[in-house]
PDB file of N, CA and C in Angstrom:
ATOM      1  N   MET A   1       0.852  -1.200   0.000  1.00  0.00           N
ATOM      2  CA  MET A   1       0.000   0.000   0.000  1.00  0.00           C
ATOM      3  C   MET A   1       0.889   1.251   0.000  1.00  0.00           C
ATOM      4  N   PRO A   2       0.709   2.127  -0.978  1.00  0.00           N
ATOM      5  CA  PRO A   2       1.499   3.366  -0.993  1.00  0.00           C
ATOM      6  C   PRO A   2       1.212   4.212   0.239  1.00  0.00           C
ATOM      7  N   SER A   3       2.194   4.976   0.664  1.00  0.00           N
ATOM      8  CA  SER A   3       2.051   5.725   1.906  1.00  0.00           C
ATOM      9  C   SER A   3       0.925   6.752   1.830  1.00  0.00           C
ATOM     10  N   HIS A   4       0.661   7.316   0.634  1.00  0.00           N
ATOM     11  CA  HIS A   4      -0.380   8.341   0.548  1.00  0.00           C
ATOM     12  C   HIS A   4      -1.780   7.752   0.651  1.00  0.00           C
ATOM     13  N   GLU A   5      -1.892   6.420   0.672  1.00  0.00           N
ATOM     14  CA  GLU A   5      -3.196   5.787   0.821  1.00  0.00           C
ATOM     15  C   GLU A   5      -3.414   5.257   2.242  1.00  0.00           C
ATOM     16  N   ALA A   6      -2.503   5.590   3.150  1.00  0.00           N
ATOM     17  CA  ALA A   6      -2.637   5.124   4.528  1.00  0.00           C
ATOM     18  C   ALA A   6      -3.921   5.681   5.137  1.00  0.00           C
ATOM     19  N   PRO A   7      -4.674   4.850   5.855  1.00  0.00           N
ATOM     20  CA  PRO A   7      -5.954   5.296   6.417  1.00  0.00           C
ATOM     21  C   PRO A   7      -5.766   6.138   7.675  1.00  0.00           C
ATOM     22  N   THR A   8      -5.329   7.363   7.487  1.00  0.00           N
ATOM     23  CA  THR A   8      -5.165   8.271   8.620  1.00  0.00           C
ATOM     24  C   THR A   8      -6.220   9.362   8.540  1.00  0.00           C
ATOM     25  N   ALA A   9      -6.399  10.070   9.625  1.00  0.00           N
ATOM     26  CA  ALA A   9      -7.384  11.154   9.638  1.00  0.00           C
ATOM     27  C   ALA A   9      -7.019  12.217   8.610  1.00  0.00           C
ATOM     28  N   LEU A  10      -5.725  12.501   8.490  1.00  0.00           N
ATOM     29  CA  LEU A  10      -5.291  13.539   7.561  1.00  0.00           C
ATOM     30  C   LEU A  10      -5.583  13.145   6.119  1.00  0.00           C
ATOM     31  N   SER A  11      -5.327  11.892   5.776  1.00  0.00           N
ATOM     32  CA  SER A  11      -5.557  11.476   4.395  1.00  0.00           C
ATOM     33  C   SER A  11      -7.041  11.441   4.064  1.00  0.00           C
ATOM     34  N   SER A  12      -7.884  11.218   5.063  1.00  0.00           N
ATOM     35  CA  SER A  12      -9.320  11.226   4.789  1.00  0.00           C
ATOM     36  C   SER A  12      -9.836  12.656   4.621  1.00  0.00           C
ATOM     37  N   LEU A  13      -9.205  13.610   5.284  1.00  0.00           N
ATOM     38  CA  LEU A  13      -9.603  15.006   5.122  1.00  0.00           C
ATOM     39  C   LEU A  13      -9.083  15.583   3.816  1.00  0.00           C
ATOM     40  N   PHE A  14      -7.883  15.173   3.437  1.00  0.00           N
ATOM     41  CA  PHE A  14      -7.258  15.696   2.232  1.00  0.00           C
ATOM     42  C   PHE A  14      -6.829  14.542   1.331  1.00  0.00           C
ATOM     43  N   PRO A  15      -7.775  13.974   0.580  1.00  0.00           N
ATOM     44  CA  PRO A  15      -7.432  12.864  -0.301  1.00  0.00           C
ATOM     45  C   PRO A  15      -6.482  13.320  -1.406  1.00  0.00           C
ATOM     46  N   PRO A  16      -5.682  12.406  -1.942  1.00  0.00           N
ATOM     47  CA  PRO A  16      -4.764  12.764  -3.029  1.00  0.00           C
ATOM     48  C   PRO A  16      -5.527  13.373  -4.197  1.00  0.00           C
ATOM     49  N   MET A  17      -4.942  14.369  -4.831  1.00  0.00           N
ATOM     50  CA  MET A  17      -5.635  15.079  -5.898  1.00  0.00           C
ATOM     51  C   MET A  17      -5.999  14.166  -7.064  1.00  0.00           C
ATOM     52  N   ASP A  18      -5.168  13.182  -7.364  1.00  0.00           N
ATOM     53  CA  ASP A  18      -5.453  12.331  -8.519  1.00  0.00           C
ATOM     54  C   ASP A  18      -6.624  11.389  -8.259  1.00  0.00           C
ATOM     55  N   ASP A  19      -7.103  11.298  -7.033  1.00  0.00           N
ATOM     56  CA  ASP A  19      -8.251  10.441  -6.730  1.00  0.00           C
ATOM     57  C   ASP A  19      -9.576  11.187  -6.860  1.00  0.00           C
ATOM     58  N   LEU A  20      -9.524  12.478  -7.158  1.00  0.00           N
ATOM     59  CA  LEU A  20     -10.737  13.286  -7.194  1.00  0.00           C
ATOM     60  C   LEU A  20     -11.089  13.687  -8.620  1.00  0.00           C
ATOM     61  N   SER A  21     -12.344  13.531  -8.970  1.00  0.00           N
ATOM     62  CA  SER A  21     -12.822  14.119 -10.218  1.00  0.00           C
ATOM     63  C   SER A  21     -13.101  15.590  -9.964  1.00  0.00           C
ATOM     64  N   SER A  22     -13.358  16.351 -11.008  1.00  0.00           N
ATOM     65  CA  SER A  22     -13.624  17.777 -10.819  1.00  0.00           C
ATOM     66  C   SER A  22     -14.886  17.983  -9.984  1.00  0.00           C
ATOM     67  N   ALA A  23     -15.892  17.137 -10.163  1.00  0.00           N
ATOM     68  CA  ALA A  23     -17.125  17.262  -9.383  1.00  0.00           C
ATOM     69  C   ALA A  23     -16.854  16.975  -7.908  1.00  0.00           C
ATOM     70  N   ASP A  24     -16.053  15.944  -7.629  1.00  0.00           N
ATOM     71  CA  ASP A  24     -15.714  15.623  -6.243  1.00  0.00           C
ATOM     72  C   ASP A  24     -14.919  16.760  -5.609  1.00  0.00           C
ATOM     73  N   LEU A  25     -14.031  17.359  -6.399  1.00  0.00           N
ATOM     74  CA  LEU A  25     -13.201  18.440  -5.877  1.00  0.00           C
ATOM     75  C   LEU A  25     -14.070  19.621  -5.453  1.00  0.00           C
ATOM     76  N   VAL A  26     -15.058  19.950  -6.264  1.00  0.00           N
ATOM     77  CA  VAL A  26     -15.957  21.051  -5.917  1.00  0.00           C
ATOM     78  C   VAL A  26     -16.722  20.720  -4.638  1.00  0.00           C
ATOM     79  N   GLY A  27     -17.225  19.495  -4.538  1.00  0.00           N
ATOM     80  CA  GLY A  27     -17.955  19.091  -3.343  1.00  0.00           C
ATOM     81  C   GLY A  27     -17.082  19.124  -2.107  1.00  0.00           C
ATOM     82  N   GLN A  28     -15.850  18.629  -2.220  1.00  0.00           N
ATOM     83  CA  GLN A  28     -14.931  18.637  -1.081  1.00  0.00           C
ATOM     84  C   GLN A  28     -14.603  20.068  -0.671  1.00  0.00           C
ATOM     85  N   LYS A  29     -14.394  20.922  -1.650  1.00  0.00           N
ATOM     86  CA  LYS A  29     -14.045  22.308  -1.343  1.00  0.00           C
ATOM     87  C   LYS A  29     -15.185  22.985  -0.591  1.00  0.00           C
ATOM     88  N   ASP A  30     -16.415  22.788  -1.070  1.00  0.00           N
ATOM     89  CA  ASP A  30     -17.561  23.404  -0.407  1.00  0.00           C
ATOM     90  C   ASP A  30     -17.704  22.879   1.019  1.00  0.00           C
ATOM     91  N   HIS A  31     -17.521  21.577   1.201  1.00  0.00           N
ATOM     92  CA  HIS A  31     -17.659  20.972   2.525  1.00  0.00           C
ATOM     93  C   HIS A  31     -16.599  21.525   3.474  1.00  0.00           C
ATOM     94  N   ARG A  32     -15.365  21.620   3.013  1.00  0.00           N
ATOM     95  CA  ARG A  32     -14.291  22.143   3.862  1.00  0.00           C
ATOM     96  C   ARG A  32     -14.534  23.602   4.200  1.00  0.00           C
ATOM     97  N   THR A  33     -15.046  24.359   3.230  1.00  0.00           N
ATOM     98  CA  THR A  33     -15.326  25.772   3.478  1.00  0.00           C
ATOM     99  C   THR A  33     -16.394  25.926   4.544  1.00  0.00           C
ATOM    100  N   GLU A  34     -17.435  25.073   4.480  1.00  0.00           N
ATOM    101  CA  GLU A  34     -18.488  25.128   5.492  1.00  0.00           C
ATOM    102  C   GLU A  34     -17.928  24.813   6.874  1.00  0.00           C
ATOM    103  N   ILE A  35     -17.072  23.806   6.963  1.00  0.00           N
ATOM    104  CA  ILE A  35     -16.477  23.435   8.250  1.00  0.00           C
ATOM    105  C   ILE A  35     -15.616  24.579   8.779  1.00  0.00           C
ATOM    106  N   ARG A  36     -14.802  25.176   7.896  1.00  0.00           N
ATOM    107  CA  ARG A  36     -13.936  26.273   8.319  1.00  0.00           C
ATOM    108  C   ARG A  36     -14.768  27.458   8.799  1.00  0.00           C
ATOM    109  N   ASP A  37     -15.815  27.797   8.050  1.00  0.00           N
ATOM    110  CA  ASP A  37     -16.661  28.921   8.442  1.00  0.00           C
ATOM    111  C   ASP A  37     -17.338  28.652   9.777  1.00  0.00           C
ATOM    112  N   PHE A  38     -17.782  27.408   9.981  1.00  0.00           N
ATOM    113  CA  PHE A  38     -18.426  27.060  11.248  1.00  0.00           C
ATOM    114  C   PHE A  38     -17.438  27.182  12.402  1.00  0.00           C
ATOM    115  N   ARG A  39     -16.214  26.688  12.196  1.00  0.00           N
ATOM    116  CA  ARG A  39     -15.209  26.763  13.266  1.00  0.00           C
ATOM    117  C   ARG A  39     -14.862  28.206  13.584  1.00  0.00           C
ATOM    118  N   MET A  40     -14.749  29.040  12.552  1.00  0.00           N
ATOM    119  CA  MET A  40     -14.433  30.448  12.784  1.00  0.00           C
ATOM    120  C   MET A  40     -15.565  31.136  13.543  1.00  0.00           C
ATOM    121  N   ALA A  41     -16.800  30.862  13.150  1.00  0.00           N
ATOM    122  CA  ALA A  41     -17.940  31.469  13.837  1.00  0.00           C
ATOM    123  C   ALA A  41     -17.997  31.004  15.288  1.00  0.00           C
ATOM    124  N   SER A  42     -17.728  29.726  15.508  1.00  0.00           N
ATOM    125  CA  SER A  42     -17.748  29.182  16.863  1.00  0.00           C
ATOM    126  C   SER A  42     -16.654  29.823  17.714  1.00  0.00           C
ATOM    127  N   ALA A  43     -15.455  29.939  17.149  1.00  0.00           N
ATOM    128  CA  ALA A  43     -14.344  30.544  17.884  1.00  0.00           C
ATOM    129  C   ALA A  43     -14.642  32.006  18.201  1.00  0.00           C
ATOM    130  N   ASN A  44     -15.177  32.731  17.227  1.00  0.00           N
ATOM    131  CA  ASN A  44     -15.508  34.136  17.457  1.00  0.00           C
ATOM    132  C   ASN A  44     -16.590  34.278  18.518  1.00  0.00           C
ATOM    133  N   HIS A  45     -17.543  33.372  18.523  1.00  0.00           N
ATOM    134  CA  HIS A  45     -18.622  33.398  19.514  1.00  0.00           C
ATOM    135  C   HIS A  45     -18.053  33.207  20.920  1.00  0.00           C
ATOM    136  N   HIS A  46     -17.155  32.238  21.075  1.00  0.00           N
ATOM    137  CA  HIS A  46     -16.561  31.988  22.392  1.00  0.00           C
ATOM    138  C   HIS A  46     -15.676  33.156  22.825  1.00  0.00           C
ATOM    139  N   LEU A  47     -14.964  33.745  21.879  1.00  0.00           N
ATOM    140  CA  LEU A  47     -14.145  34.903  22.222  1.00  0.00           C
ATOM    141  C   LEU A  47     -15.020  36.057  22.699  1.00  0.00           C
ATOM    142  N   ALA A  48     -16.143  36.264  22.034  1.00  0.00           N
ATOM    143  CA  ALA A  48     -17.042  37.353  22.423  1.00  0.00           C
ATOM    144  C   ALA A  48     -17.602  37.118  23.821  1.00  0.00           C
ATOM    145  N   ILE A  49     -17.970  35.895  24.121  1.00  0.00           N
ATOM    146  CA  ILE A  49     -18.497  35.575  25.457  1.00  0.00           C
ATOM    147  C   ILE A  49     -17.418  35.803  26.515  1.00  0.00           C
ATOM    148  N   ASN A  50     -16.206  35.310  26.253  1.00  0.00           N
ATOM    149  CA  ASN A  50     -15.123  35.469  27.223  1.00  0.00           C
ATOM    150  C   ASN A  50     -14.780  36.936  27.423  1.00  0.00           C
ATOM    151  N   TYR A  51     -14.750  37.701  26.350  1.00  0.00           N
ATOM    152  CA  TYR A  51     -14.433  39.123  26.460  1.00  0.00           C
ATOM    153  C   TYR A  51     -15.511  39.849  27.259  1.00  0.00           C
ATOM    154  N   ASP A  52     -16.764  39.494  27.006  1.00  0.00           N
ATOM    155  CA  ASP A  52     -17.875  40.125  27.726  1.00  0.00           C
ATOM    156  C   ASP A  52     -17.767  39.845  29.224  1.00  0.00           C
ATOM    157  N   CYS A  53     -17.440  38.614  29.574  1.00  0.00           N
ATOM    158  CA  CYS A  53     -17.320  38.250  30.993  1.00  0.00           C
ATOM    159  C   CYS A  53     -16.144  38.973  31.646  1.00  0.00           C
ATOM    160  N   LEU A  54     -15.036  39.103  30.922  1.00  0.00           N
ATOM    161  CA  LEU A  54     -13.845  39.730  31.494  1.00  0.00           C
ATOM    162  C   LEU A  54     -13.994  41.240  31.606  1.00  0.00           C
ATOM    163  N   SER A  55     -14.790  41.832  30.730  1.00  0.00           N
ATOM    164  CA  SER A  55     -14.866  43.294  30.705  1.00  0.00           C
ATOM    165  C   SER A  55     -15.931  43.851  31.642  1.00  0.00           C
ATOM    166  N   ARG A  56     -16.710  42.992  32.272  1.00  0.00           N
ATOM    167  CA  ARG A  56     -17.748  43.473  33.195  1.00  0.00           C
ATOM    168  C   ARG A  56     -17.125  43.882  34.531  1.00  0.00           C
ATOM    169  N   PRO A  57     -17.462  45.039  35.030  1.00  0.00           N
ATOM    170  CA  PRO A  57     -16.952  45.423  36.358  1.00  0.00           C
ATOM    171  C   PRO A  57     -17.631  44.601  37.449  1.00  0.00           C
ATOM    172  N   ASP A  58     -16.874  44.250  38.449  1.00  0.00           N
ATOM    173  CA  ASP A  58     -17.441  43.449  39.554  1.00  0.00           C
ATOM    174  C   ASP A  58     -18.061  44.342  40.614  1.00  0.00           C
TER     175      ASP A  58
END
């Protein structure tokens, strides 16, 4: 088994380019973009909550 086909989490997130058709590539790109946007929104939400708690006078 070639090393780039090893069943790791990284290889499942980023499959080799030659294994993707153009349609699959578009689908993967959209899916990754959605995940990234969700993570950014989640991180920003938690930062806003933490900042709000820290900035309140006791």
